[in-house]
Protein backbone atom coordinates (compact mmCIF):
# COMPACT_ATOMS: atom_id res chain seq x y z
CA UNK A 1 36.81 -20.03 -45.81
CA UNK A 2 34.46 -20.80 -48.54
CA UNK A 3 35.94 -23.76 -48.35
CA UNK A 4 34.86 -24.31 -44.95
CA UNK A 5 31.91 -23.12 -44.86
CA UNK A 6 31.33 -25.85 -48.24
CA UNK A 7 32.55 -29.05 -45.90
CA UNK A 8 29.69 -28.36 -42.95
CA UNK A 9 27.40 -27.09 -44.90
CA UNK A 10 26.88 -30.42 -47.14
CA UNK A 11 26.80 -32.57 -49.01
CA UNK A 12 24.02 -30.14 -51.33
CA UNK A 13 21.05 -31.31 -53.08
CA UNK A 14 21.50 -29.44 -56.49
CA UNK A 15 24.20 -28.57 -58.01
CA UNK A 16 23.43 -25.09 -59.31
CA UNK A 17 20.71 -23.52 -58.81
CA UNK A 18 17.94 -20.73 -60.46
CA UNK A 19 16.66 -19.03 -56.18
CA UNK A 20 19.90 -19.26 -54.45
CA UNK A 21 18.74 -19.69 -50.58
CA UNK A 22 21.67 -17.49 -48.73
CA UNK A 23 23.87 -17.36 -45.25
CA UNK A 24 25.73 -15.37 -44.21
CA UNK A 25 28.82 -16.82 -42.85
CA UNK A 26 31.62 -13.91 -42.42
CA UNK A 27 31.12 -9.91 -42.83
CA UNK A 28 31.19 -9.77 -46.13
CA UNK A 29 30.81 -13.39 -47.82
CA UNK A 30 27.57 -16.14 -48.57
CA UNK A 31 27.17 -19.28 -49.48
CA UNK A 32 24.16 -21.49 -51.02
CA UNK A 33 22.27 -24.00 -48.86
CA UNK A 34 21.42 -25.44 -52.21
CA UNK A 35 24.03 -25.75 -54.43
CA UNK A 36 26.43 -24.51 -52.40
CA UNK A 37 27.34 -20.88 -54.28
CA UNK A 38 30.05 -18.36 -53.38
CA UNK A 39 28.74 -14.60 -52.57
CA UNK A 40 31.59 -12.04 -51.86
CA UNK A 41 31.00 -8.59 -51.64
CA UNK A 42 33.88 -6.47 -53.11
CA UNK A 43 35.11 -3.63 -50.61
CA UNK A 44 34.40 -0.73 -53.43
CA UNK A 45 31.68 0.28 -55.47
CA UNK A 46 34.22 -1.34 -58.45
CA UNK A 47 33.19 -4.09 -60.04
CA UNK A 48 30.47 -5.04 -57.27
CA UNK A 49 28.12 -7.60 -58.44
CA UNK A 50 25.81 -6.81 -55.34
CA UNK A 51 22.60 -5.75 -55.55
CA UNK A 52 22.71 -2.91 -53.94
CA UNK A 53 20.42 -1.15 -52.24
CA UNK A 54 19.15 2.51 -51.63
CA UNK A 55 19.14 3.97 -47.22
CA UNK A 56 18.04 6.22 -46.57
CA UNK A 57 21.35 8.16 -45.41
CA UNK A 58 22.36 7.91 -49.10
CA UNK A 59 24.47 4.69 -48.66
CA UNK A 60 24.37 1.41 -49.82
CA UNK A 61 23.37 -1.95 -48.78
CA UNK A 62 24.37 -5.74 -50.28
CA UNK A 63 20.96 -7.82 -49.00
CA UNK A 64 22.70 -10.56 -49.04
CA UNK A 65 25.23 -10.32 -46.45
CA UNK A 66 23.94 -6.26 -44.58
CA UNK A 67 27.85 -5.06 -45.87
CA UNK A 68 27.50 -1.27 -46.88
CA UNK A 69 29.80 0.11 -49.24
CA UNK A 70 31.99 2.52 -49.05
CA UNK A 71 30.46 5.85 -50.60
CA UNK A 72 33.13 8.39 -51.99
CA UNK A 73 30.12 11.45 -51.50
CA UNK A 74 30.33 14.97 -52.63
CA UNK A 75 28.54 18.62 -50.83
CA UNK A 76 26.55 20.22 -54.09
CA UNK A 77 27.68 22.67 -52.07
CA UNK A 78 30.99 23.11 -51.67
CA UNK A 79 31.47 26.53 -51.45
CA UNK A 80 29.12 29.33 -51.17
CA UNK A 81 28.47 33.77 -51.72
CA UNK A 82 27.48 34.24 -47.92
CA UNK A 83 30.04 33.63 -45.27
CA UNK A 84 29.10 35.87 -41.38
CA UNK A 85 31.70 37.65 -40.24
CA UNK A 86 33.68 37.17 -36.88
CA UNK A 87 35.55 39.16 -34.24
CA UNK A 88 38.08 37.55 -33.13
CA UNK A 89 37.73 36.95 -30.00
CA UNK A 90 39.87 39.72 -27.97
CA UNK A 91 42.88 38.20 -25.23
CA UNK A 92 41.26 38.77 -21.47
CA UNK A 93 42.68 41.58 -20.84
CA UNK A 94 44.34 41.64 -16.97
CA UNK A 95 43.39 44.48 -14.38
CA UNK A 96 45.93 46.93 -13.06
CA UNK A 97 47.75 46.87 -9.76
CA UNK A 98 45.73 49.58 -8.20
CA UNK A 99 42.62 47.73 -9.41
CA UNK A 100 43.33 44.94 -7.77
CA UNK A 101 44.90 46.57 -4.92
CA UNK A 102 41.15 48.67 -4.05
CA UNK A 103 39.79 44.96 -5.01
CA UNK A 104 41.90 43.24 -2.64
CA UNK A 105 41.80 45.66 0.24
CA UNK A 106 38.12 45.71 -0.37
CA UNK A 107 38.23 41.70 0.30
CA UNK A 108 39.96 42.11 3.06
CA UNK A 109 37.74 44.40 5.65
CA UNK A 110 34.84 43.39 4.46
CA UNK A 111 36.64 39.58 5.55
CA UNK A 112 38.65 41.15 9.30
CA UNK A 113 35.44 43.63 10.04
CA UNK A 114 33.13 42.84 8.61
CA UNK A 115 29.63 41.96 10.94
CA UNK A 116 30.19 38.58 9.65
CA UNK A 117 33.67 38.47 11.29
CA UNK A 118 32.54 40.16 14.88
CA UNK A 119 29.62 38.42 15.41
CA UNK A 120 31.77 35.00 14.82
CA UNK A 121 34.54 36.38 17.46
CA UNK A 122 31.35 37.51 20.03
CA UNK A 123 31.12 33.52 20.20
CA UNK A 124 33.73 32.39 20.26
CA UNK A 125 34.58 34.76 23.07
CA UNK A 126 31.09 33.65 24.57
CA UNK A 127 32.62 29.93 24.19
CA UNK A 128 35.84 30.79 25.66
CA UNK A 129 34.09 32.32 28.94
CA UNK A 130 31.84 29.37 28.98
CA UNK A 131 34.83 26.51 29.15
CA UNK A 132 36.79 28.49 31.84
CA UNK A 133 34.32 29.40 33.66
CA UNK A 134 33.63 25.26 34.29
CA UNK A 135 36.71 24.49 33.95
CA UNK A 136 37.52 27.32 37.42
CA UNK A 137 34.07 25.53 39.07
CA UNK A 138 35.50 22.33 38.75
CA UNK A 139 38.99 23.16 39.78
CA UNK A 140 37.41 24.99 43.40
CA UNK A 141 34.95 21.53 43.75
CA UNK A 142 38.02 19.18 43.34
CA UNK A 143 39.69 21.22 45.92
CA UNK A 144 36.93 21.10 47.97
CA UNK A 145 37.16 17.70 47.64
CA UNK A 146 40.23 17.86 48.72
CA UNK A 147 39.76 19.72 52.08
CA UNK A 148 37.30 16.85 53.24
CA UNK A 149 39.67 14.92 52.83
CA UNK A 150 42.54 16.18 55.10
CA UNK A 151 40.98 19.63 57.04
CA UNK A 152 43.93 20.24 58.09
CA UNK A 153 43.86 22.41 55.49
CA UNK A 154 43.01 26.12 54.67
CA UNK A 155 40.43 27.96 51.72
CA UNK A 156 41.56 27.53 48.16
CA UNK A 157 42.29 31.12 46.95
CA UNK A 158 40.73 31.40 44.21
CA UNK A 159 43.34 33.37 42.18
CA UNK A 160 46.25 30.20 42.03
CA UNK A 161 42.92 28.87 41.33
CA UNK A 162 41.84 30.61 38.41
CA UNK A 163 46.29 31.20 37.15
CA UNK A 164 45.85 27.00 36.87
CA UNK A 165 42.41 27.39 34.90
CA UNK A 166 44.37 30.01 32.40
CA UNK A 167 47.22 27.90 32.70
CA UNK A 168 45.28 25.25 31.32
CA UNK A 169 42.88 27.24 29.10
CA UNK A 170 44.05 30.07 27.84
CA UNK A 171 41.78 32.64 26.70
CA UNK A 172 41.98 33.82 23.46
CA UNK A 173 42.35 37.29 23.25
CA UNK A 174 40.15 39.37 20.46
CA UNK A 175 40.53 42.38 18.56
CA UNK A 176 38.83 44.16 15.84
CA UNK A 177 41.45 44.17 12.39
CA UNK A 178 42.97 48.08 12.02
CA UNK A 179 43.14 50.22 8.14
CA UNK A 180 47.35 49.67 8.41
CA UNK A 181 46.75 45.99 9.51
CA UNK A 182 43.65 45.60 6.56
CA UNK A 183 46.20 47.94 4.02
CA UNK A 184 49.25 45.21 4.32
CA UNK A 185 48.07 42.10 3.78
CA UNK A 186 45.77 43.92 0.96
CA UNK A 187 48.69 44.86 -0.53
CA UNK A 188 51.44 41.73 0.03
CA UNK A 189 49.05 39.89 -0.96
CA UNK A 190 47.68 41.90 -4.17
CA UNK A 191 51.78 41.23 -5.21
CA UNK A 192 51.32 37.60 -4.12
CA UNK A 193 49.14 37.55 -6.51
CA UNK A 194 50.46 39.80 -9.69
CA UNK A 195 53.51 38.17 -9.31
CA UNK A 196 52.35 34.30 -9.63
CA UNK A 197 50.11 35.49 -12.27
CA UNK A 198 46.71 34.94 -9.92
CA UNK A 199 45.83 38.37 -11.04
CA UNK A 200 42.48 36.73 -13.44
CA UNK A 201 40.80 34.26 -11.59
CA UNK A 202 38.25 36.49 -10.16
CA UNK A 203 35.95 33.57 -9.40
CA UNK A 204 38.00 32.76 -7.46
CA UNK A 205 38.80 35.78 -6.18
CA UNK A 206 37.41 35.99 -2.40
CA UNK A 207 39.01 32.32 -1.09
CA UNK A 208 42.13 33.34 -2.48
CA UNK A 209 42.09 36.69 -0.38
CA UNK A 210 40.52 34.38 2.58
CA UNK A 211 43.32 32.13 2.05
CA UNK A 212 46.01 33.88 2.11
CA UNK A 213 45.63 36.14 5.02
CA UNK A 214 45.07 33.54 7.16
CA UNK A 215 48.45 31.96 5.61
CA UNK A 216 49.60 35.09 6.92
CA UNK A 217 49.44 34.36 9.96
CA UNK A 218 52.75 31.63 9.91
CA UNK A 219 54.01 33.71 6.77
CA UNK A 220 54.60 31.81 3.41
CA UNK A 221 57.90 30.57 2.17
CA UNK A 222 58.49 28.58 -1.15
CA UNK A 223 61.89 27.70 -2.40
CA UNK A 224 63.37 30.53 -0.17
CA UNK A 225 61.26 32.74 -1.56
CA UNK A 226 59.23 35.00 0.94
CA UNK A 227 55.85 35.41 -0.57
CA UNK A 228 53.96 36.61 2.37
CA UNK A 229 55.26 38.13 5.68
CA UNK A 230 54.39 36.40 9.05
CA UNK A 231 51.73 38.84 10.26
CA UNK A 232 50.95 37.38 13.79
CA UNK A 233 48.62 40.34 14.72
CA UNK A 234 46.23 38.51 12.79
CA UNK A 235 46.07 35.49 15.11
CA UNK A 236 43.74 38.28 16.89
CA UNK A 237 41.67 39.00 14.30
CA UNK A 238 40.49 36.36 12.01
CA UNK A 239 37.82 34.30 12.76
CA UNK A 240 38.39 30.18 13.39
CA UNK A 241 38.26 28.65 10.16
CA UNK A 242 35.39 26.25 11.54
CA UNK A 243 33.55 28.88 10.84
CA UNK A 244 34.51 29.36 7.35
CA UNK A 245 32.00 26.56 6.14
CA UNK A 246 28.78 28.12 8.43
CA UNK A 247 28.73 31.38 8.46
CA UNK A 248 31.25 32.69 4.72
CA UNK A 249 30.11 29.65 3.14
CA UNK A 250 33.91 28.88 2.37
CA UNK A 251 34.74 25.68 2.45
CA UNK A 252 36.85 24.53 5.69
CA UNK A 253 39.78 23.04 3.18
CA UNK A 254 40.26 27.46 2.07
CA UNK A 255 43.66 26.87 3.90
CA UNK A 256 45.80 24.36 2.45
CA UNK A 257 43.47 24.62 -0.55
CA UNK A 258 44.79 28.60 -1.58
CA UNK A 259 48.27 27.02 -0.66
CA UNK A 260 48.40 24.27 -2.83
CA UNK A 261 47.22 26.80 -5.59
CA UNK A 262 50.40 29.79 -4.98
CA UNK A 263 51.91 26.44 -5.44
CA UNK A 264 51.39 25.03 -8.34
CA UNK A 265 51.65 28.47 -10.11
CA UNK A 266 54.62 28.75 -9.07
CA UNK A 267 55.53 25.59 -10.96
CA UNK A 268 53.86 26.60 -13.99
CA UNK A 269 56.06 29.70 -13.43
CA UNK A 270 59.13 28.56 -13.32
CA UNK A 271 58.26 25.65 -16.60
CA UNK A 272 57.44 29.18 -19.13
CA UNK A 273 61.12 30.63 -17.75
């Protein structure tokens, strides 16, 4: 490397100078532009000929090349006599099944029989009645136009038009969840949470319980194991999924996220066996 630098910088004016004009051309190397002398920094402090300078952080540096030589630093007080005692962290205790069941039952009753759920069902019923009314009027107008074109046709039968309207727009039967239904759902949700070791998920408890309620409309079967039973009565008690974010401040993807979390917990449980 120094030979290449001398070829590029030569010829030199003096053979040997007393005051070098150093030029760095490598990490640990520098050359004098007057006489072509070489300066090479040692990689250790042994046999180091560099005019080292002390840095603020305690290190040493060569002012010619800017190379910081490695320095072994020793702690002045490696051992101390005063040690602060720290208690070992206790593992999170899993709640008992009775405590888990009581909390899940409270959440189920809140979601199925609470005031928010009742207002959502009333809003859905009002929208359904409005759609049925609009569709009924539309079909009557169509029959009126067809009667005007064909006078031989008789007046429309209200029962027939109403039957055709209900056939196109089926009204949703909404009802309040009974105490037996809430206890039945809470029992199976608690067993599922306890079986999949999801009983410690305090921050996601509301999302899991609500998501499982929607999954129980069709049931949940994974690998020929029924984790949640099918409860058709929930179709008449649960509010529409579009109201989760607007009314309950929950994600609209709650059902899909709950199912994915159950599958992930089941996969982790299988790997541990």
